[in-house]
Each structure stands twice: as C-alpha cells, then as structure tokens.
Amino acid sequence: MTAAGRVALVGAGPGDAGLLTIRGLRALEAADVIVADRLGARGVLDGLAAEGIELRAEVVDVGKLPGHHAVPQDAINALLVTLARDGKRVVRLKGGDPFIFGRGGEELAFCRDHGIDVEVVPGITSAISVPAIAGIPLTHRGLATTFTVVTGHEQIKSLGGGRDHTVVLLMGIGTLANSAITLARGERGGDCPVAIIEDGYGPAQRVTVGTLDTIALQAARRGIRSPAVVVVGDVVTLSPYATSLLIEPVEISAPDLVSTSSTSRNRKATL
C-alpha cells in the first residue's frame, strides 16, 4: 500500500528568495513535487537556484496570467489530492501569503475534505512588503491608523474613510481609472496621494507617484502593467519618491531604492 502523502501550502512572499521563511525553505527541500504559481513563487524558485540551492522536487507550473487561467482552480485542487494520494510530499507554492487573495483557504478545505494532511506555512504578503520598497508604511502615527487591502476586481464604493485610512489595491491596474474615480468621490478627494509599485522585487521594479485625479493618466502614459500594488492615502507622502506636487515624474537612481534585498539595488525606480 502506498504511504500517505501530504500537502504544504507555502507562502512564497513577493518573489525575493531572501524573504522566504526558513520553514518554507525546509518544506521545499523535502518536497517531491512543487505546484507553483507564476507570481512570487517562480521568482523564489529562480532565486534559490541562483544562490546554489538545488531542489530535487519536480516543479509543476499552474501559474495564472491576467484574464487567463491556464489551469483552473478545480484542477489544481484535484491535482494536490491526486499527488498526495500517490504518496508524494507536495508543496503548493503560492505567491505572497496563501490566505491573502490566494485561494489558499479553498485548497486547504478541499484537501482536508478528501482526507489529506495539510500544513500551512505563512508568507509575506505583497500588500505590505511591496509598498515598503517605496518607503511607504501602511500605518504611521499622525497620518494613518488603519489600512484595508482589496482587489481591483471588487466593488469599492462602500469603502469609506479619509486619507488616514490607507487603501491597498492588489490586481488593480485593469480597473485603476474606475477605482481612482470612486475613491476620489469620498472624503479622500481627487488630490489624495497615490503610489503604484510595479513588479516589486522583480527586474522591472518601478515606482510611480501621483494623485487620485492624475494616476490613471500617468499609468496609461507610462504603460504600467501588472503585477503592481497601488497604495492610496497620506502615507504615500512619506515615500522618498513623493514630490511636493505628486504629479510630475522624476528619475531616481537605483542605489537610492529602499529595499530589503540586495538584488533590488540594481533596479530603476521612477516617480
């Protein structure tokens, strides 16, 4: 009889191998199969390989592109159960944290409903780590006491609060114009500061700062693409890339980039 396998839902963080937890690394080293996302997960695997860390596991890519899911979620769920029933030690490597807009809860429930032992290894969500690249804390005494993380696919009409209530938009580039208009109609107003951090911890990392009134046009002119994290609120003014007008672009040399990773020092940030 084949020995029972198990599944570990591991958060890969924002894509920098240095931000993977030690527990997550140990799970990857022990895995027979790694079922990997596109965002975050692939960057971590590539980063580990670049550092000379060899993983013996087979890698199955189930990554999703905007508007295109190569492997449907139901098929991913079924794959995890099938592999575990074959006696495999499976790591489901998910970008960011498994439970922050990552459908990790669904995968956990599906595996447990089918009698599969599951471990959850938290990861660093991009909602917090990517703004940090631009020197933006989501809360700051005197500026913001709370923050909300939403996706650009959701309705944000009911999201209240003023500039002291930081809003973080994930997967929000496609609906940026609508989100900006909606948020500007509330207490925040059209001149509320906004920052977009593209490809956080990736080779195309870039920071754009503007206001709710200007950010959609700026994004269109600069060809901003996903993955990107959008931060709305007065905490944006703490960024070293925030100009007094928060409108006009300014070139910033790469060594000035605020980052927790040495690999980020060679990248360009643009206001």
C-alpha atoms as a PDB file:
ATOM      1  CA  MET A   1       0.000   0.000   0.000  1.00  0.00           C
ATOM      2  CA  THR A   2       1.337   3.431  -0.949  1.00  0.00           C
ATOM      3  CA  ALA A   3       2.272   5.575   2.043  1.00  0.00           C
ATOM      4  CA  ALA A   4       0.051   8.578   2.565  1.00  0.00           C
ATOM      5  CA  GLY A   5       1.450  11.798   1.197  1.00  0.00           C
ATOM      6  CA  ARG A   6       0.823  15.292   2.478  1.00  0.00           C
ATOM      7  CA  VAL A   7       0.436  18.853   1.236  1.00  0.00           C
ATOM      8  CA  ALA A   8       2.120  22.019   2.489  1.00  0.00           C
ATOM      9  CA  LEU A   9       0.630  25.356   1.457  1.00  0.00           C
ATOM     10  CA  VAL A  10       3.705  27.584   1.439  1.00  0.00           C
ATOM     11  CA  GLY A  11       3.678  31.350   1.019  1.00  0.00           C
ATOM     12  CA  ALA A  12       6.482  32.375  -1.333  1.00  0.00           C
ATOM     13  CA  GLY A  13       6.317  36.046  -0.387  1.00  0.00           C
ATOM     14  CA  PRO A  14       6.638  38.783  -3.018  1.00  0.00           C
ATOM     15  CA  GLY A  15       9.174  36.909  -5.140  1.00  0.00           C
ATOM     16  CA  ASP A  16      12.508  37.535  -3.436  1.00  0.00           C
ATOM     17  CA  ALA A  17      14.122  34.315  -2.203  1.00  0.00           C
ATOM     18  CA  GLY A  18      15.540  36.230   0.751  1.00  0.00           C
ATOM     19  CA  LEU A  19      12.020  36.845   2.041  1.00  0.00           C
ATOM     20  CA  LEU A  20      11.021  33.175   2.015  1.00  0.00           C
ATOM     21  CA  THR A  21      10.691  31.843   5.553  1.00  0.00           C
ATOM     22  CA  ILE A  22      13.094  29.175   6.804  1.00  0.00           C
ATOM     23  CA  ARG A  23      10.139  26.876   7.383  1.00  0.00           C
ATOM     24  CA  GLY A  24       9.063  27.399   3.789  1.00  0.00           C
ATOM     25  CA  LEU A  25      12.562  26.593   2.542  1.00  0.00           C
ATOM     26  CA  ARG A  26      12.656  23.376   4.567  1.00  0.00           C
ATOM     27  CA  ALA A  27       9.327  22.333   3.047  1.00  0.00           C
ATOM     28  CA  LEU A  28      10.662  22.942  -0.468  1.00  0.00           C
ATOM     29  CA  GLU A  29      13.809  20.940   0.252  1.00  0.00           C
ATOM     30  CA  ALA A  30      11.744  17.980   1.470  1.00  0.00           C
ATOM     31  CA  ALA A  31       9.176  18.083  -1.346  1.00  0.00           C
ATOM     32  CA  ASP A  32       8.713  15.515  -4.086  1.00  0.00           C
ATOM     33  CA  VAL A  33       6.554  17.854  -6.162  1.00  0.00           C
ATOM     34  CA  ILE A  34       6.196  21.653  -6.133  1.00  0.00           C
ATOM     35  CA  VAL A  35       2.964  23.015  -7.594  1.00  0.00           C
ATOM     36  CA  ALA A  36       3.927  26.627  -8.268  1.00  0.00           C
ATOM     37  CA  ASP A  37       2.145  29.888  -9.011  1.00  0.00           C
ATOM     38  CA  ARG A  38       3.502  32.359 -11.561  1.00  0.00           C
ATOM     39  CA  LEU A  39       3.774  35.432  -9.347  1.00  0.00           C
ATOM     40  CA  GLY A  40       6.138  35.314  -6.414  1.00  0.00           C
ATOM     41  CA  ALA A  41       6.617  31.564  -6.487  1.00  0.00           C
ATOM     42  CA  ARG A  42       8.591  31.410  -9.731  1.00  0.00           C
ATOM     43  CA  GLY A  43      10.823  34.277  -8.618  1.00  0.00           C
ATOM     44  CA  VAL A  44      11.644  32.445  -5.392  1.00  0.00           C
ATOM     45  CA  LEU A  45      12.497  29.212  -7.188  1.00  0.00           C
ATOM     46  CA  ASP A  46      14.735  31.082  -9.628  1.00  0.00           C
ATOM     47  CA  GLY A  47      16.337  32.982  -6.764  1.00  0.00           C
ATOM     48  CA  LEU A  48      17.106  29.827  -4.821  1.00  0.00           C
ATOM     49  CA  ALA A  49      18.682  28.274  -7.916  1.00  0.00           C
ATOM     50  CA  ALA A  50      20.815  31.397  -8.433  1.00  0.00           C
ATOM     51  CA  GLU A  51      22.068  31.051  -4.862  1.00  0.00           C
ATOM     52  CA  GLY A  52      23.109  27.449  -5.499  1.00  0.00           C
ATOM     53  CA  ILE A  53      20.262  25.837  -3.570  1.00  0.00           C
ATOM     54  CA  GLU A  54      19.218  22.760  -5.519  1.00  0.00           C
ATOM     55  CA  LEU A  55      15.742  21.349  -5.040  1.00  0.00           C
ATOM     56  CA  ARG A  56      15.119  17.752  -6.058  1.00  0.00           C
ATOM     57  CA  ALA A  57      11.370  18.179  -6.478  1.00  0.00           C
ATOM     58  CA  GLU A  58       9.558  18.129  -9.784  1.00  0.00           C
ATOM     59  CA  VAL A  59       8.028  21.564 -10.487  1.00  0.00           C
ATOM     60  CA  VAL A  60       4.510  21.763 -11.916  1.00  0.00           C
ATOM     61  CA  ASP A  61       3.644  25.258 -13.171  1.00  0.00           C
ATOM     62  CA  VAL A  62      -0.009  26.201 -12.668  1.00  0.00           C
ATOM     63  CA  GLY A  63       0.579  29.941 -12.980  1.00  0.00           C
ATOM     64  CA  LYS A  64      -2.164  32.334 -13.933  1.00  0.00           C
ATOM     65  CA  LEU A  65      -1.914  35.300 -16.263  1.00  0.00           C
ATOM     66  CA  PRO A  66      -4.301  38.257 -16.040  1.00  0.00           C
ATOM     67  CA  GLY A  67      -7.553  37.126 -17.612  1.00  0.00           C
ATOM     68  CA  HIS A  68      -6.201  33.675 -18.395  1.00  0.00           C
ATOM     69  CA  HIS A  69      -6.068  30.734 -16.010  1.00  0.00           C
ATOM     70  CA  ALA A  70      -4.068  28.007 -17.730  1.00  0.00           C
ATOM     71  CA  VAL A  71      -5.013  25.530 -15.008  1.00  0.00           C
ATOM     72  CA  PRO A  72      -8.467  26.082 -13.441  1.00  0.00           C
ATOM     73  CA  GLN A  73      -8.662  26.169  -9.648  1.00  0.00           C
ATOM     74  CA  ASP A  74     -10.729  22.975  -9.530  1.00  0.00           C
ATOM     75  CA  ALA A  75      -7.990  21.176 -11.463  1.00  0.00           C
ATOM     76  CA  ILE A  76      -5.331  22.500  -9.073  1.00  0.00           C
ATOM     77  CA  ASN A  77      -7.330  21.243  -6.097  1.00  0.00           C
ATOM     78  CA  ALA A  78      -7.716  17.817  -7.670  1.00  0.00           C
ATOM     79  CA  LEU A  79      -4.007  17.687  -8.573  1.00  0.00           C
ATOM     80  CA  LEU A  80      -2.960  18.286  -4.973  1.00  0.00           C
ATOM     81  CA  VAL A  81      -5.157  15.437  -3.741  1.00  0.00           C
ATOM     82  CA  THR A  82      -4.029  13.061  -6.504  1.00  0.00           C
ATOM     83  CA  LEU A  83      -0.343  13.695  -5.850  1.00  0.00           C
ATOM     84  CA  ALA A  84      -0.760  13.265  -2.093  1.00  0.00           C
ATOM     85  CA  ARG A  85      -2.685  10.028  -2.557  1.00  0.00           C
ATOM     86  CA  ASP A  86       0.221   8.795  -4.662  1.00  0.00           C
ATOM     87  CA  GLY A  87       2.386   9.199  -1.569  1.00  0.00           C
ATOM     88  CA  LYS A  88       4.038  12.441  -2.644  1.00  0.00           C
ATOM     89  CA  ARG A  89       5.160  15.219  -0.354  1.00  0.00           C
ATOM     90  CA  VAL A  90       3.605  18.160  -2.140  1.00  0.00           C
ATOM     91  CA  VAL A  91       4.347  21.841  -1.728  1.00  0.00           C
ATOM     92  CA  ARG A  92       1.747  24.203  -3.114  1.00  0.00           C
ATOM     93  CA  LEU A  93       3.937  27.277  -3.545  1.00  0.00           C
ATOM     94  CA  LYS A  94       1.780  30.376  -3.654  1.00  0.00           C
ATOM     95  CA  GLY A  95       2.799  33.985  -4.183  1.00  0.00           C
ATOM     96  CA  GLY A  96       2.618  36.207  -1.101  1.00  0.00           C
ATOM     97  CA  ASP A  97       0.644  34.589   1.707  1.00  0.00           C
ATOM     98  CA  PRO A  98      -1.609  31.594   0.929  1.00  0.00           C
ATOM     99  CA  PHE A  99      -4.590  33.157   2.678  1.00  0.00           C
ATOM    100  CA  ILE A 100      -4.408  36.703   1.231  1.00  0.00           C
ATOM    101  CA  PHE A 101      -6.350  36.657  -2.053  1.00  0.00           C
ATOM    102  CA  GLY A 102      -4.571  33.425  -2.891  1.00  0.00           C
ATOM    103  CA  ARG A 103      -7.455  30.924  -2.615  1.00  0.00           C
ATOM    104  CA  GLY A 104      -5.384  29.015  -0.105  1.00  0.00           C
ATOM    105  CA  GLY A 105      -8.408  28.543   2.109  1.00  0.00           C
ATOM    106  CA  GLU A 106     -10.184  26.721  -0.710  1.00  0.00           C
ATOM    107  CA  GLU A 107      -7.216  24.433  -1.303  1.00  0.00           C
ATOM    108  CA  LEU A 108      -6.891  23.713   2.399  1.00  0.00           C
ATOM    109  CA  ALA A 109     -10.570  22.819   2.714  1.00  0.00           C
ATOM    110  CA  PHE A 110     -10.558  20.647  -0.425  1.00  0.00           C
ATOM    111  CA  CYS A 111      -7.535  18.644   0.721  1.00  0.00           C
ATOM    112  CA  ARG A 112      -8.905  18.135   4.212  1.00  0.00           C
ATOM    113  CA  ASP A 113     -12.312  17.136   2.858  1.00  0.00           C
ATOM    114  CA  HIS A 114     -10.509  14.399   0.937  1.00  0.00           C
ATOM    115  CA  GLY A 115      -8.558  13.169   3.920  1.00  0.00           C
ATOM    116  CA  ILE A 116      -5.225  14.773   3.043  1.00  0.00           C
ATOM    117  CA  ASP A 117      -2.961  16.079   5.803  1.00  0.00           C
ATOM    118  CA  VAL A 118      -2.176  19.759   5.189  1.00  0.00           C
ATOM    119  CA  GLU A 119       0.330  22.148   6.736  1.00  0.00           C
ATOM    120  CA  VAL A 120       0.131  25.912   6.188  1.00  0.00           C
ATOM    121  CA  VAL A 121       3.353  27.945   6.079  1.00  0.00           C
ATOM    122  CA  PRO A 122       2.548  31.687   6.045  1.00  0.00           C
ATOM    123  CA  GLY A 123       4.295  34.029   3.650  1.00  0.00           C
ATOM    124  CA  ILE A 124       4.871  37.781   3.428  1.00  0.00           C
ATOM    125  CA  THR A 125       2.019  39.346   1.515  1.00  0.00           C
ATOM    126  CA  SER A 126       2.844  41.791  -1.263  1.00  0.00           C
ATOM    127  CA  ALA A 127       0.225  44.147   0.192  1.00  0.00           C
ATOM    128  CA  ILE A 128       2.702  45.056   2.936  1.00  0.00           C
ATOM    129  CA  SER A 129       6.131  44.165   1.567  1.00  0.00           C
ATOM    130  CA  VAL A 130       5.891  45.839  -1.845  1.00  0.00           C
ATOM    131  CA  PRO A 131       4.893  49.308  -0.511  1.00  0.00           C
ATOM    132  CA  ALA A 132       7.905  49.033   1.805  1.00  0.00           C
ATOM    133  CA  ILE A 133      10.149  49.090  -1.273  1.00  0.00           C
ATOM    134  CA  ALA A 134       8.945  52.625  -1.910  1.00  0.00           C
ATOM    135  CA  GLY A 135       9.381  53.583   1.752  1.00  0.00           C
ATOM    136  CA  ILE A 136       5.634  53.580   2.414  1.00  0.00           C
ATOM    137  CA  PRO A 137       4.385  52.282   5.774  1.00  0.00           C
ATOM    138  CA  LEU A 138       0.682  51.455   5.645  1.00  0.00           C
ATOM    139  CA  THR A 139       0.162  52.950   9.099  1.00  0.00           C
ATOM    140  CA  HIS A 140       2.038  55.853  10.615  1.00  0.00           C
ATOM    141  CA  ARG A 141       1.388  57.912  13.724  1.00  0.00           C
ATOM    142  CA  GLY A 142      -0.353  61.127  12.793  1.00  0.00           C
ATOM    143  CA  LEU A 143      -1.094  60.022   9.222  1.00  0.00           C
ATOM    144  CA  ALA A 144      -2.847  56.645   9.193  1.00  0.00           C
ATOM    145  CA  THR A 145      -4.250  54.416  11.892  1.00  0.00           C
ATOM    146  CA  THR A 146      -5.747  51.683   9.743  1.00  0.00           C
ATOM    147  CA  PHE A 147      -5.495  50.117   6.302  1.00  0.00           C
ATOM    148  CA  THR A 148      -7.662  47.985   4.044  1.00  0.00           C
ATOM    149  CA  VAL A 149      -6.492  45.549   1.390  1.00  0.00           C
ATOM    150  CA  VAL A 150      -8.828  44.940  -1.535  1.00  0.00           C
ATOM    151  CA  THR A 151      -8.518  43.701  -5.086  1.00  0.00           C
ATOM    152  CA  GLY A 152      -9.213  45.812  -8.118  1.00  0.00           C
ATOM    153  CA  HIS A 153     -11.808  43.251  -9.167  1.00  0.00           C
ATOM    154  CA  GLU A 154     -14.025  44.140  -6.219  1.00  0.00           C
ATOM    155  CA  GLN A 155     -16.522  46.955  -5.815  1.00  0.00           C
ATOM    156  CA  ILE A 156     -15.025  49.656  -3.609  1.00  0.00           C
ATOM    157  CA  LYS A 157     -17.994  52.022  -3.495  1.00  0.00           C
ATOM    158  CA  SER A 158     -18.702  51.069   0.112  1.00  0.00           C
ATOM    159  CA  LEU A 159     -15.106  51.627   1.205  1.00  0.00           C
ATOM    160  CA  GLY A 160     -15.266  54.712   3.399  1.00  0.00           C
ATOM    161  CA  GLY A 161     -12.683  56.681   5.300  1.00  0.00           C
ATOM    162  CA  GLY A 162     -10.377  59.558   4.503  1.00  0.00           C
ATOM    163  CA  ARG A 163      -6.702  59.871   3.763  1.00  0.00           C
ATOM    164  CA  ASP A 164      -5.842  58.490   7.190  1.00  0.00           C
ATOM    165  CA  HIS A 165      -7.384  55.182   6.078  1.00  0.00           C
ATOM    166  CA  THR A 166      -4.812  53.650   3.729  1.00  0.00           C
ATOM    167  CA  VAL A 167      -6.165  51.598   0.840  1.00  0.00           C
ATOM    168  CA  VAL A 168      -4.036  48.932  -0.827  1.00  0.00           C
ATOM    169  CA  LEU A 169      -5.242  47.673  -4.198  1.00  0.00           C
ATOM    170  CA  LEU A 170      -3.990  44.324  -5.449  1.00  0.00           C
ATOM    171  CA  MET A 171      -4.602  43.225  -9.048  1.00  0.00           C
ATOM    172  CA  GLY A 172      -5.927  46.720  -9.637  1.00  0.00           C
ATOM    173  CA  ILE A 173      -4.258  48.048 -12.789  1.00  0.00           C
ATOM    174  CA  GLY A 174      -7.005  46.996 -15.183  1.00  0.00           C
ATOM    175  CA  THR A 175      -9.635  48.844 -13.147  1.00  0.00           C
ATOM    176  CA  LEU A 176      -7.404  51.672 -11.899  1.00  0.00           C
ATOM    177  CA  ALA A 177      -9.329  54.517 -13.545  1.00  0.00           C
ATOM    178  CA  ASN A 178     -12.639  53.407 -12.066  1.00  0.00           C
ATOM    179  CA  SER A 179     -11.115  52.814  -8.636  1.00  0.00           C
ATOM    180  CA  ALA A 180      -9.491  56.250  -8.616  1.00  0.00           C
ATOM    181  CA  ILE A 181     -12.724  57.998  -9.587  1.00  0.00           C
ATOM    182  CA  THR A 182     -14.680  56.070  -6.963  1.00  0.00           C
ATOM    183  CA  LEU A 183     -12.239  56.793  -4.154  1.00  0.00           C
ATOM    184  CA  ALA A 184     -11.916  60.460  -5.142  1.00  0.00           C
ATOM    185  CA  ARG A 185     -15.662  60.968  -4.706  1.00  0.00           C
ATOM    186  CA  GLY A 186     -15.383  60.245  -0.992  1.00  0.00           C
ATOM    187  CA  GLU A 187     -13.578  62.057   1.807  1.00  0.00           C
ATOM    188  CA  ARG A 188     -10.180  61.436   0.224  1.00  0.00           C
ATOM    189  CA  GLY A 189     -10.719  63.847  -2.659  1.00  0.00           C
ATOM    190  CA  GLY A 190      -9.015  63.975  -6.024  1.00  0.00           C
ATOM    191  CA  ASP A 191      -5.716  65.306  -4.657  1.00  0.00           C
ATOM    192  CA  CYS A 192      -5.229  62.311  -2.344  1.00  0.00           C
ATOM    193  CA  PRO A 193      -1.727  60.846  -2.880  1.00  0.00           C
ATOM    194  CA  VAL A 194      -1.356  57.548  -4.737  1.00  0.00           C
ATOM    195  CA  ALA A 195       1.645  55.316  -5.397  1.00  0.00           C
ATOM    196  CA  ILE A 196       1.983  52.397  -7.782  1.00  0.00           C
ATOM    197  CA  ILE A 197       4.817  49.933  -7.270  1.00  0.00           C
ATOM    198  CA  GLU A 198       5.283  47.706 -10.309  1.00  0.00           C
ATOM    199  CA  ASP A 199       6.982  44.321 -10.314  1.00  0.00           C
ATOM    200  CA  GLY A 200       8.006  44.551  -6.662  1.00  0.00           C
ATOM    201  CA  TYR A 201      11.311  42.735  -6.095  1.00  0.00           C
ATOM    202  CA  GLY A 202      11.404  41.919  -9.810  1.00  0.00           C
ATOM    203  CA  PRO A 203      13.734  43.083 -12.596  1.00  0.00           C
ATOM    204  CA  ALA A 204      11.273  45.735 -13.839  1.00  0.00           C
ATOM    205  CA  GLN A 205      10.640  47.271 -10.419  1.00  0.00           C
ATOM    206  CA  ARG A 206       9.356  50.848 -10.733  1.00  0.00           C
ATOM    207  CA  VAL A 207       7.572  53.389  -8.525  1.00  0.00           C
ATOM    208  CA  THR A 208       5.030  55.919  -9.802  1.00  0.00           C
ATOM    209  CA  VAL A 209       3.537  58.608  -7.559  1.00  0.00           C
ATOM    210  CA  GLY A 210       0.555  60.821  -8.310  1.00  0.00           C
ATOM    211  CA  THR A 211      -2.928  61.642  -7.035  1.00  0.00           C
ATOM    212  CA  LEU A 212      -6.349  60.088  -7.493  1.00  0.00           C
ATOM    213  CA  ASP A 213      -7.011  62.713 -10.174  1.00  0.00           C
ATOM    214  CA  THR A 214      -3.801  62.027 -12.114  1.00  0.00           C
ATOM    215  CA  ILE A 215      -2.791  58.425 -11.524  1.00  0.00           C
ATOM    216  CA  ALA A 216      -4.847  56.784 -14.284  1.00  0.00           C
ATOM    217  CA  LEU A 217      -3.377  59.094 -16.940  1.00  0.00           C
ATOM    218  CA  GLN A 218       0.119  58.589 -15.554  1.00  0.00           C
ATOM    219  CA  ALA A 219      -0.332  54.836 -15.635  1.00  0.00           C
ATOM    220  CA  ALA A 220      -1.525  54.937 -19.236  1.00  0.00           C
ATOM    221  CA  ARG A 221       1.323  57.185 -20.388  1.00  0.00           C
ATOM    222  CA  ARG A 222       3.973  55.013 -18.753  1.00  0.00           C
ATOM    223  CA  GLY A 223       2.466  51.734 -19.790  1.00  0.00           C
ATOM    224  CA  ILE A 224       2.178  50.416 -16.263  1.00  0.00           C
ATOM    225  CA  ARG A 225       1.457  46.694 -16.170  1.00  0.00           C
ATOM    226  CA  SER A 226       0.674  44.019 -13.657  1.00  0.00           C
ATOM    227  CA  PRO A 227       1.895  42.844 -11.245  1.00  0.00           C
ATOM    228  CA  ALA A 228       1.589  46.075  -9.325  1.00  0.00           C
ATOM    229  CA  VAL A 229       0.449  47.249  -5.912  1.00  0.00           C
ATOM    230  CA  VAL A 230      -1.457  50.527  -5.573  1.00  0.00           C
ATOM    231  CA  VAL A 231      -1.371  52.492  -2.316  1.00  0.00           C
ATOM    232  CA  VAL A 232      -3.825  55.316  -1.643  1.00  0.00           C
ATOM    233  CA  GLY A 233      -3.555  57.704   1.313  1.00  0.00           C
ATOM    234  CA  ASP A 234      -1.408  60.285   3.051  1.00  0.00           C
ATOM    235  CA  VAL A 235       1.223  57.678   3.946  1.00  0.00           C
ATOM    236  CA  VAL A 236       2.371  57.971   0.318  1.00  0.00           C
ATOM    237  CA  THR A 237       3.849  61.379   1.208  1.00  0.00           C
ATOM    238  CA  LEU A 238       6.410  59.578   3.393  1.00  0.00           C
ATOM    239  CA  SER A 239       7.956  57.963   0.344  1.00  0.00           C
ATOM    240  CA  PRO A 240      11.292  59.410  -0.804  1.00  0.00           C
ATOM    241  CA  TYR A 241       9.794  59.373  -4.302  1.00  0.00           C
ATOM    242  CA  ALA A 242       6.904  61.696  -3.403  1.00  0.00           C
ATOM    243  CA  THR A 243       7.393  65.176  -4.860  1.00  0.00           C
ATOM    244  CA  SER A 244       5.682  68.232  -3.448  1.00  0.00           C
ATOM    245  CA  LEU A 245       3.203  68.186  -6.311  1.00  0.00           C
ATOM    246  CA  LEU A 246       2.920  64.393  -6.509  1.00  0.00           C
ATOM    247  CA  ILE A 247       2.388  64.668 -10.253  1.00  0.00           C
ATOM    248  CA  GLU A 248       5.443  65.129 -12.418  1.00  0.00           C
ATOM    249  CA  PRO A 249       7.782  62.150 -12.991  1.00  0.00           C
ATOM    250  CA  VAL A 250      11.351  62.305 -11.709  1.00  0.00           C
ATOM    251  CA  GLU A 251      14.115  59.802 -12.465  1.00  0.00           C
ATOM    252  CA  ILE A 252      15.563  58.211  -9.334  1.00  0.00           C
ATOM    253  CA  SER A 253      18.860  56.346  -9.450  1.00  0.00           C
ATOM    254  CA  ALA A 254      18.685  52.681  -8.469  1.00  0.00           C
ATOM    255  CA  PRO A 255      21.032  52.828  -5.434  1.00  0.00           C
ATOM    256  CA  ASP A 256      18.535  55.117  -3.674  1.00  0.00           C
ATOM    257  CA  LEU A 257      15.815  52.467  -3.779  1.00  0.00           C
ATOM    258  CA  VAL A 258      14.548  51.446  -0.358  1.00  0.00           C
ATOM    259  CA  SER A 259      14.709  47.660  -0.285  1.00  0.00           C
ATOM    260  CA  THR A 260      15.268  44.703   1.988  1.00  0.00           C
ATOM    261  CA  SER A 261      17.008  42.790  -0.788  1.00  0.00           C
ATOM    262  CA  SER A 262      20.463  43.318  -2.195  1.00  0.00           C
ATOM    263  CA  THR A 263      19.190  42.167  -5.580  1.00  0.00           C
ATOM    264  CA  SER A 264      16.911  45.187  -5.725  1.00  0.00           C
ATOM    265  CA  ARG A 265      19.769  47.673  -5.709  1.00  0.00           C
ATOM    266  CA  ASN A 266      20.369  47.309  -9.417  1.00  0.00           C
ATOM    267  CA  ARG A 267      16.838  48.194 -10.428  1.00  0.00           C
ATOM    268  CA  LYS A 268      15.340  51.526 -11.536  1.00  0.00           C
ATOM    269  CA  ALA A 269      12.573  53.367  -9.726  1.00  0.00           C
ATOM    270  CA  THR A 270      10.646  56.125 -11.457  1.00  0.00           C
ATOM    271  CA  LEU A 271       8.323  58.630  -9.911  1.00  0.00           C
END
